[in-house]
Amino acid sequence: MVKAPHGFVELVVSGRVVVPEAELEERFSRSSGPGGQGVNTADSRVELTFDLAASSSIPEPMRARMLQRLDGRLVDGRITVSASEHRTQLANRRAARDRLTEILREAATPPPAPRRPTRPTRGSKERRLQAKRSRSEVKRGRGRFTE
């Protein structure tokens, strides 16, 4: 995360991709769970939304890949992450941003190189056949004795 001049934090997805604060939308609501008397008054739950489909900070080929990979999580091209595990709003904001950064980073990684098919070596074929022969001998030795 990079500290922006106005005090908020930008999301660093990769070395070239930084999501500015202006493209993030936060909503706050009351959180369930621990918090004592303050749980009924403080809006500590955070919903962080990012419009991936309309983002200008992500290059087009990467955005297309991210949209495809996150298809099940997106609603109208927007991804939403919520955090309510901490008592304070600030800690939940950090947790939501960390989670969103991780999701975007994972979706942005390029696909692995395609596997090149290989053939078994002669030695590996011979070892396999020898193991089959020796296993067969073991099993044949378990037969009934006929004296």
Protein backbone atom coordinates (compact mmCIF):
# COMPACT_ATOMS: atom_id res chain seq x y z
CA MET A 1 0.00 0.00 0.00
CA VAL A 2 1.21 3.48 -0.84
CA LYS A 3 0.33 6.51 1.25
CA ALA A 4 -1.51 9.05 -0.89
CA PRO A 5 -0.97 12.79 -0.34
CA HIS A 6 -4.42 13.26 1.22
CA GLY A 7 -3.77 10.64 3.94
CA PHE A 8 -5.70 7.73 2.44
CA VAL A 9 -4.07 4.62 1.06
CA GLU A 10 -3.83 3.45 -2.55
CA LEU A 11 -3.84 -0.24 -3.41
CA VAL A 12 -0.67 -1.57 -5.04
CA VAL A 13 -1.73 -4.59 -7.09
CA SER A 14 1.58 -5.09 -8.87
CA GLY A 15 4.70 -3.11 -9.73
CA ARG A 16 2.90 -1.36 -12.60
CA VAL A 17 -0.68 -1.29 -11.33
CA VAL A 18 -1.85 1.00 -8.52
CA VAL A 19 -5.55 1.51 -7.81
CA PRO A 20 -6.12 5.14 -6.72
CA GLU A 21 -8.30 5.99 -3.73
CA ALA A 22 -10.84 7.70 -6.02
CA GLU A 23 -11.79 4.33 -7.60
CA LEU A 24 -12.61 2.76 -4.22
CA GLU A 25 -15.94 3.14 -2.46
CA GLU A 26 -16.42 2.47 1.24
CA ARG A 27 -19.66 1.90 3.16
CA PHE A 28 -19.87 1.59 6.92
CA SER A 29 -22.46 -0.20 9.02
CA ARG A 30 -22.89 -1.68 12.47
CA SER A 31 -20.92 -4.80 13.06
CA SER A 32 -21.98 -7.90 14.95
CA GLY A 33 -19.73 -9.66 17.39
CA PRO A 34 -17.52 -8.35 20.21
CA GLY A 35 -17.41 -4.71 21.18
CA GLY A 36 -19.39 -4.31 24.37
CA GLN A 37 -21.57 -1.22 24.62
CA GLY A 38 -19.93 0.35 21.57
CA VAL A 39 -21.11 -2.40 19.22
CA ASN A 40 -24.58 -0.85 19.05
CA THR A 41 -23.39 2.67 18.25
CA ALA A 42 -20.18 2.44 16.20
CA ASP A 43 -20.28 1.78 12.46
CA SER A 44 -17.19 -0.41 12.44
CA ARG A 45 -18.13 -2.86 9.64
CA VAL A 46 -16.60 -1.86 6.28
CA GLU A 47 -17.72 -2.75 2.76
CA LEU A 48 -15.08 -1.85 0.18
CA THR A 49 -16.26 -1.80 -3.44
CA PHE A 50 -14.12 -1.49 -6.57
CA ASP A 51 -15.56 -1.11 -10.07
CA LEU A 52 -13.17 -3.37 -11.97
CA ALA A 53 -15.00 -3.16 -15.30
CA ALA A 54 -14.82 0.67 -15.39
CA SER A 55 -11.36 1.08 -13.87
CA SER A 56 -8.92 3.22 -15.82
CA SER A 57 -5.95 2.30 -13.62
CA ILE A 58 -5.74 -1.32 -14.85
CA PRO A 59 -4.42 -2.04 -18.37
CA GLU A 60 -6.97 -3.55 -20.76
CA PRO A 61 -5.45 -7.06 -21.22
CA MET A 62 -5.00 -7.45 -17.46
CA ARG A 63 -8.52 -6.14 -16.78
CA ALA A 64 -9.99 -8.69 -19.21
CA ARG A 65 -8.11 -11.51 -17.47
CA MET A 66 -9.21 -10.26 -14.03
CA LEU A 67 -12.84 -9.94 -15.13
CA GLN A 68 -12.79 -13.50 -16.42
CA ARG A 69 -11.15 -14.95 -13.29
CA LEU A 70 -13.37 -13.04 -10.86
CA ASP A 71 -16.56 -13.64 -12.82
CA GLY A 72 -18.27 -15.46 -9.94
CA ARG A 73 -17.50 -12.68 -7.44
CA LEU A 74 -18.48 -9.70 -9.57
CA VAL A 75 -21.86 -7.96 -9.57
CA ASP A 76 -22.20 -5.63 -12.58
CA GLY A 77 -18.40 -5.54 -12.93
CA ARG A 78 -17.90 -4.50 -9.30
CA ILE A 79 -16.18 -6.50 -6.56
CA THR A 80 -17.14 -6.00 -2.91
CA VAL A 81 -15.14 -7.06 0.12
CA SER A 82 -16.40 -6.67 3.69
CA ALA A 83 -14.52 -6.74 6.98
CA SER A 84 -15.97 -6.79 10.47
CA GLU A 85 -13.53 -8.90 12.45
CA HIS A 86 -11.97 -5.96 14.35
CA ARG A 87 -13.55 -3.62 16.87
CA THR A 88 -12.36 -0.42 15.22
CA GLN A 89 -13.39 0.97 11.88
CA LEU A 90 -9.80 1.80 10.96
CA ALA A 91 -8.62 -1.78 11.52
CA ASN A 92 -11.54 -3.10 9.45
CA ARG A 93 -10.71 -0.62 6.66
CA ARG A 94 -7.14 -1.94 6.60
CA ALA A 95 -8.36 -5.56 6.61
CA ALA A 96 -10.78 -4.93 3.72
CA ARG A 97 -8.07 -3.20 1.67
CA ASP A 98 -5.59 -5.99 2.33
CA ARG A 99 -8.17 -8.58 1.29
CA LEU A 100 -9.09 -6.70 -1.89
CA THR A 101 -5.42 -6.23 -2.78
CA GLU A 102 -4.80 -9.97 -2.39
CA ILE A 103 -7.84 -10.88 -4.52
CA LEU A 104 -6.81 -8.48 -7.30
CA ARG A 105 -3.18 -9.66 -7.17
CA GLU A 106 -4.24 -13.29 -7.50
CA ALA A 107 -6.57 -12.49 -10.41
CA ALA A 108 -3.88 -10.45 -12.19
CA THR A 109 -1.22 -13.16 -12.25
CA PRO A 110 -0.62 -14.45 -15.77
CA PRO A 111 -1.61 -18.04 -16.53
CA PRO A 112 1.16 -20.64 -16.23
CA ALA A 113 3.05 -21.72 -19.33
CA PRO A 114 1.34 -24.63 -21.12
CA ARG A 115 2.70 -28.06 -20.27
CA ARG A 116 4.87 -29.63 -22.93
CA PRO A 117 4.03 -33.32 -23.21
CA THR A 118 6.96 -35.67 -22.63
CA ARG A 119 7.44 -39.39 -23.14
CA PRO A 120 8.77 -41.85 -20.56
CA THR A 121 12.46 -42.74 -20.89
CA ARG A 122 13.60 -46.26 -21.76
CA GLY A 123 15.02 -46.69 -18.25
CA SER A 124 11.75 -45.73 -16.58
CA LYS A 125 9.83 -48.20 -18.80
CA GLU A 126 12.29 -50.99 -17.93
CA ARG A 127 12.08 -50.21 -14.18
CA ARG A 128 8.28 -50.26 -14.34
CA LEU A 129 8.22 -53.64 -16.13
CA GLN A 130 10.81 -55.11 -13.74
CA ALA A 131 8.72 -54.00 -10.75
CA LYS A 132 5.65 -55.62 -12.31
CA ARG A 133 7.56 -58.89 -12.84
CA SER A 134 8.86 -58.99 -9.27
CA ARG A 135 5.39 -58.19 -7.88
CA SER A 136 3.97 -61.01 -10.00
CA GLU A 137 6.55 -63.42 -8.50
CA VAL A 138 5.58 -62.38 -4.97
CA LYS A 139 1.91 -63.02 -5.71
CA ARG A 140 2.60 -66.34 -7.44
CA GLY A 141 4.49 -67.48 -4.32
CA ARG A 142 1.34 -67.03 -2.25
CA GLY A 143 -0.44 -69.92 -4.00
CA ARG A 144 -1.43 -73.19 -2.28
CA PHE A 145 1.14 -75.84 -1.54
CA THR A 146 0.50 -79.13 -3.34
CA GLU A 147 2.83 -81.86 -2.03
